[in-house]
Amino acid sequence: MTKALVYFAKRNVAAAVMGAAKPIVMTSRTDTVENKMLSIAMALYISDR
């Protein structure tokens, strides 16, 4: 579903797994640099909470 949003809707996405000791960044090989950076930024943000 995420790849469909990126491909068809031309949207940026960020993904991370919460609930572990530290957030886990989820990226795809096909993600843009911007999407990868958004995932890292989101993981940093939720790790401070």
PDB file of N, CA and C in Angstrom:
ATOM      1  N   MET A   1       0.824  -1.184   0.000  1.00  0.00           N
ATOM      2  CA  MET A   1       0.000   0.000   0.000  1.00  0.00           C
ATOM      3  C   MET A   1       0.875   1.257   0.000  1.00  0.00           C
ATOM      4  N   THR A   2       1.936   1.229   0.767  1.00  0.00           N
ATOM      5  CA  THR A   2       2.816   2.392   0.832  1.00  0.00           C
ATOM      6  C   THR A   2       3.436   2.685  -0.526  1.00  0.00           C
ATOM      7  N   LYS A   3       3.899   1.649  -1.196  1.00  0.00           N
ATOM      8  CA  LYS A   3       4.511   1.853  -2.509  1.00  0.00           C
ATOM      9  C   LYS A   3       3.498   2.402  -3.507  1.00  0.00           C
ATOM     10  N   ALA A   4       2.242   2.014  -3.375  1.00  0.00           N
ATOM     11  CA  ALA A   4       1.202   2.545  -4.258  1.00  0.00           C
ATOM     12  C   ALA A   4       1.025   4.040  -4.031  1.00  0.00           C
ATOM     13  N   LEU A   5       1.049   4.485  -2.765  1.00  0.00           N
ATOM     14  CA  LEU A   5       0.947   5.916  -2.474  1.00  0.00           C
ATOM     15  C   LEU A   5       2.104   6.683  -3.089  1.00  0.00           C
ATOM     16  N   VAL A   6       3.293   6.147  -2.938  1.00  0.00           N
ATOM     17  CA  VAL A   6       4.480   6.819  -3.467  1.00  0.00           C
ATOM     18  C   VAL A   6       4.419   6.863  -4.988  1.00  0.00           C
ATOM     19  N   TYR A   7       4.085   5.752  -5.602  1.00  0.00           N
ATOM     20  CA  TYR A   7       4.130   5.666  -7.061  1.00  0.00           C
ATOM     21  C   TYR A   7       2.977   6.404  -7.735  1.00  0.00           C
ATOM     22  N   PHE A   8       1.746   6.122  -7.313  1.00  0.00           N
ATOM     23  CA  PHE A   8       0.584   6.683  -8.001  1.00  0.00           C
ATOM     24  C   PHE A   8       0.223   8.086  -7.524  1.00  0.00           C
ATOM     25  N   ALA A   9       0.298   8.326  -6.225  1.00  0.00           N
ATOM     26  CA  ALA A   9      -0.109   9.629  -5.686  1.00  0.00           C
ATOM     27  C   ALA A   9       1.051  10.605  -5.592  1.00  0.00           C
ATOM     28  N   LYS A  10       2.270  10.118  -5.868  1.00  0.00           N
ATOM     29  CA  LYS A  10       3.463  10.974  -5.803  1.00  0.00           C
ATOM     30  C   LYS A  10       3.585  11.647  -4.437  1.00  0.00           C
ATOM     31  N   ARG A  11       3.421  10.862  -3.364  1.00  0.00           N
ATOM     32  CA  ARG A  11       3.483  11.368  -1.989  1.00  0.00           C
ATOM     33  C   ARG A  11       4.763  10.906  -1.315  1.00  0.00           C
ATOM     34  N   ASN A  12       5.209  11.699  -0.347  1.00  0.00           N
ATOM     35  CA  ASN A  12       6.338  11.302   0.480  1.00  0.00           C
ATOM     36  C   ASN A  12       5.820  10.483   1.647  1.00  0.00           C
ATOM     37  N   VAL A  13       6.612   9.515   2.068  1.00  0.00           N
ATOM     38  CA  VAL A  13       6.224   8.678   3.196  1.00  0.00           C
ATOM     39  C   VAL A  13       7.400   8.535   4.149  1.00  0.00           C
ATOM     40  N   ALA A  14       7.075   8.220   5.389  1.00  0.00           N
ATOM     41  CA  ALA A  14       8.087   7.906   6.393  1.00  0.00           C
ATOM     42  C   ALA A  14       7.590   6.681   7.143  1.00  0.00           C
ATOM     43  N   ALA A  15       8.502   5.778   7.487  1.00  0.00           N
ATOM     44  CA  ALA A  15       8.092   4.554   8.177  1.00  0.00           C
ATOM     45  C   ALA A  15       9.098   4.201   9.257  1.00  0.00           C
ATOM     46  N   ALA A  16       8.570   3.811  10.408  1.00  0.00           N
ATOM     47  CA  ALA A  16       9.414   3.364  11.513  1.00  0.00           C
ATOM     48  C   ALA A  16       8.601   2.418  12.381  1.00  0.00           C
ATOM     49  N   VAL A  17       9.278   1.466  12.998  1.00  0.00           N
ATOM     50  CA  VAL A  17       8.639   0.530  13.914  1.00  0.00           C
ATOM     51  C   VAL A  17       8.818   1.062  15.324  1.00  0.00           C
ATOM     52  N   MET A  18       7.708   1.214  16.031  1.00  0.00           N
ATOM     53  CA  MET A  18       7.758   1.691  17.415  1.00  0.00           C
ATOM     54  C   MET A  18       7.509   0.512  18.350  1.00  0.00           C
ATOM     55  N   GLY A  19       7.898   0.674  19.606  1.00  0.00           N
ATOM     56  CA  GLY A  19       7.641  -0.358  20.599  1.00  0.00           C
ATOM     57  C   GLY A  19       8.893  -1.109  21.011  1.00  0.00           C
ATOM     58  N   ALA A  20       9.943  -1.023  20.227  1.00  0.00           N
ATOM     59  CA  ALA A  20      11.218  -1.630  20.600  1.00  0.00           C
ATOM     60  C   ALA A  20      11.962  -0.655  21.513  1.00  0.00           C
ATOM     61  N   ALA A  21      13.120  -1.050  21.987  1.00  0.00           N
ATOM     62  CA  ALA A  21      13.913  -0.161  22.844  1.00  0.00           C
ATOM     63  C   ALA A  21      14.228   1.146  22.117  1.00  0.00           C
ATOM     64  N   LYS A  22      14.469   1.055  20.833  1.00  0.00           N
ATOM     65  CA  LYS A  22      14.706   2.219  19.972  1.00  0.00           C
ATOM     66  C   LYS A  22      13.886   2.037  18.701  1.00  0.00           C
ATOM     67  N   PRO A  23      13.429   3.135  18.094  1.00  0.00           N
ATOM     68  CA  PRO A  23      12.669   3.005  16.839  1.00  0.00           C
ATOM     69  C   PRO A  23      13.527   2.378  15.738  1.00  0.00           C
ATOM     70  N   ILE A  24      12.897   1.594  14.896  1.00  0.00           N
ATOM     71  CA  ILE A  24      13.574   0.935  13.786  1.00  0.00           C
ATOM     72  C   ILE A  24      13.108   1.606  12.497  1.00  0.00           C
ATOM     73  N   VAL A  25      14.043   2.135  11.738  1.00  0.00           N
ATOM     74  CA  VAL A  25      13.718   2.825  10.486  1.00  0.00           C
ATOM     75  C   VAL A  25      13.435   1.785   9.410  1.00  0.00           C
ATOM     76  N   MET A  26      12.315   1.980   8.713  1.00  0.00           N
ATOM     77  CA  MET A  26      11.921   1.071   7.637  1.00  0.00           C
ATOM     78  C   MET A  26      12.029   1.820   6.311  1.00  0.00           C
ATOM     79  N   THR A  27      12.922   1.374   5.462  1.00  0.00           N
ATOM     80  CA  THR A  27      13.051   1.984   4.136  1.00  0.00           C
ATOM     81  C   THR A  27      13.035   0.890   3.077  1.00  0.00           C
ATOM     82  N   SER A  28      12.842   1.306   1.865  1.00  0.00           N
ATOM     83  CA  SER A  28      12.852   0.401   0.724  1.00  0.00           C
ATOM     84  C   SER A  28      13.998   0.802  -0.196  1.00  0.00           C
ATOM     85  N   ARG A  29      14.480  -0.144  -0.963  1.00  0.00           N
ATOM     86  CA  ARG A  29      15.542   0.182  -1.925  1.00  0.00           C
ATOM     87  C   ARG A  29      15.080   1.214  -2.936  1.00  0.00           C
ATOM     88  N   THR A  30      13.793   1.251  -3.182  1.00  0.00           N
ATOM     89  CA  THR A  30      13.266   2.174  -4.190  1.00  0.00           C
ATOM     90  C   THR A  30      12.874   3.528  -3.614  1.00  0.00           C
ATOM     91  N   ASP A  31      12.993   3.707  -2.294  1.00  0.00           N
ATOM     92  CA  ASP A  31      12.660   4.995  -1.682  1.00  0.00           C
ATOM     93  C   ASP A  31      13.599   6.085  -2.176  1.00  0.00           C
ATOM     94  N   THR A  32      13.056   7.280  -2.278  1.00  0.00           N
ATOM     95  CA  THR A  32      13.888   8.427  -2.626  1.00  0.00           C
ATOM     96  C   THR A  32      14.724   8.819  -1.410  1.00  0.00           C
ATOM     97  N   VAL A  33      15.729   9.621  -1.646  1.00  0.00           N
ATOM     98  CA  VAL A  33      16.555  10.117  -0.542  1.00  0.00           C
ATOM     99  C   VAL A  33      15.684  10.894   0.442  1.00  0.00           C
ATOM    100  N   GLU A  34      14.738  11.668  -0.083  1.00  0.00           N
ATOM    101  CA  GLU A  34      13.854  12.453   0.786  1.00  0.00           C
ATOM    102  C   GLU A  34      13.013  11.546   1.690  1.00  0.00           C
ATOM    103  N   ASN A  35      12.469  10.458   1.151  1.00  0.00           N
ATOM    104  CA  ASN A  35      11.679   9.540   1.966  1.00  0.00           C
ATOM    105  C   ASN A  35      12.537   8.868   3.035  1.00  0.00           C
ATOM    106  N   LYS A  36      13.765   8.517   2.685  1.00  0.00           N
ATOM    107  CA  LYS A  36      14.667   7.915   3.674  1.00  0.00           C
ATOM    108  C   LYS A  36      14.987   8.907   4.786  1.00  0.00           C
ATOM    109  N   MET A  37      15.232  10.159   4.418  1.00  0.00           N
ATOM    110  CA  MET A  37      15.523  11.177   5.432  1.00  0.00           C
ATOM    111  C   MET A  37      14.306  11.450   6.311  1.00  0.00           C
ATOM    112  N   LEU A  38      13.107  11.430   5.728  1.00  0.00           N
ATOM    113  CA  LEU A  38      11.888  11.604   6.519  1.00  0.00           C
ATOM    114  C   LEU A  38      11.725  10.471   7.533  1.00  0.00           C
ATOM    115  N   SER A  39      12.054   9.253   7.143  1.00  0.00           N
ATOM    116  CA  SER A  39      11.971   8.114   8.059  1.00  0.00           C
ATOM    117  C   SER A  39      12.956   8.265   9.209  1.00  0.00           C
ATOM    118  N   ILE A  40      14.167   8.707   8.902  1.00  0.00           N
ATOM    119  CA  ILE A  40      15.173   8.920   9.948  1.00  0.00           C
ATOM    120  C   ILE A  40      14.740  10.039  10.882  1.00  0.00           C
ATOM    121  N   ALA A  41      14.229  11.128  10.316  1.00  0.00           N
ATOM    122  CA  ALA A  41      13.772  12.255  11.139  1.00  0.00           C
ATOM    123  C   ALA A  41      12.616  11.841  12.043  1.00  0.00           C
ATOM    124  N   MET A  42      11.688  11.053  11.517  1.00  0.00           N
ATOM    125  CA  MET A  42      10.566  10.601  12.336  1.00  0.00           C
ATOM    126  C   MET A  42      11.051   9.690  13.457  1.00  0.00           C
ATOM    127  N   ALA A  43      11.998   8.805  13.176  1.00  0.00           N
ATOM    128  CA  ALA A  43      12.537   7.918  14.204  1.00  0.00           C
ATOM    129  C   ALA A  43      13.234   8.720  15.302  1.00  0.00           C
ATOM    130  N   LEU A  44      13.974   9.752  14.918  1.00  0.00           N
ATOM    131  CA  LEU A  44      14.614  10.609  15.920  1.00  0.00           C
ATOM    132  C   LEU A  44      13.579  11.332  16.764  1.00  0.00           C
ATOM    133  N   TYR A  45      12.524  11.799  16.125  1.00  0.00           N
ATOM    134  CA  TYR A  45      11.467  12.515  16.846  1.00  0.00           C
ATOM    135  C   TYR A  45      10.773  11.602  17.854  1.00  0.00           C
ATOM    136  N   ILE A  46      10.417  10.396  17.441  1.00  0.00           N
ATOM    137  CA  ILE A  46       9.698   9.514  18.363  1.00  0.00           C
ATOM    138  C   ILE A  46      10.620   8.904  19.413  1.00  0.00           C
ATOM    139  N   SER A  47      11.931   8.901  19.166  1.00  0.00           N
ATOM    140  CA  SER A  47      12.845   8.363  20.179  1.00  0.00           C
ATOM    141  C   SER A  47      13.007   9.322  21.348  1.00  0.00           C
ATOM    142  N   ASP A  48      12.716  10.605  21.144  1.00  0.00           N
ATOM    143  CA  ASP A  48      12.807  11.598  22.219  1.00  0.00           C
ATOM    144  C   ASP A  48      11.569  11.618  23.097  1.00  0.00           C
ATOM    145  N   ARG A  49      10.529  10.928  22.723  1.00  0.00           N
ATOM    146  CA  ARG A  49       9.267  10.961  23.467  1.00  0.00           C
ATOM    147  C   ARG A  49       9.280  10.034  24.626  1.00  0.00           C
TER     148      ARG A  49
END
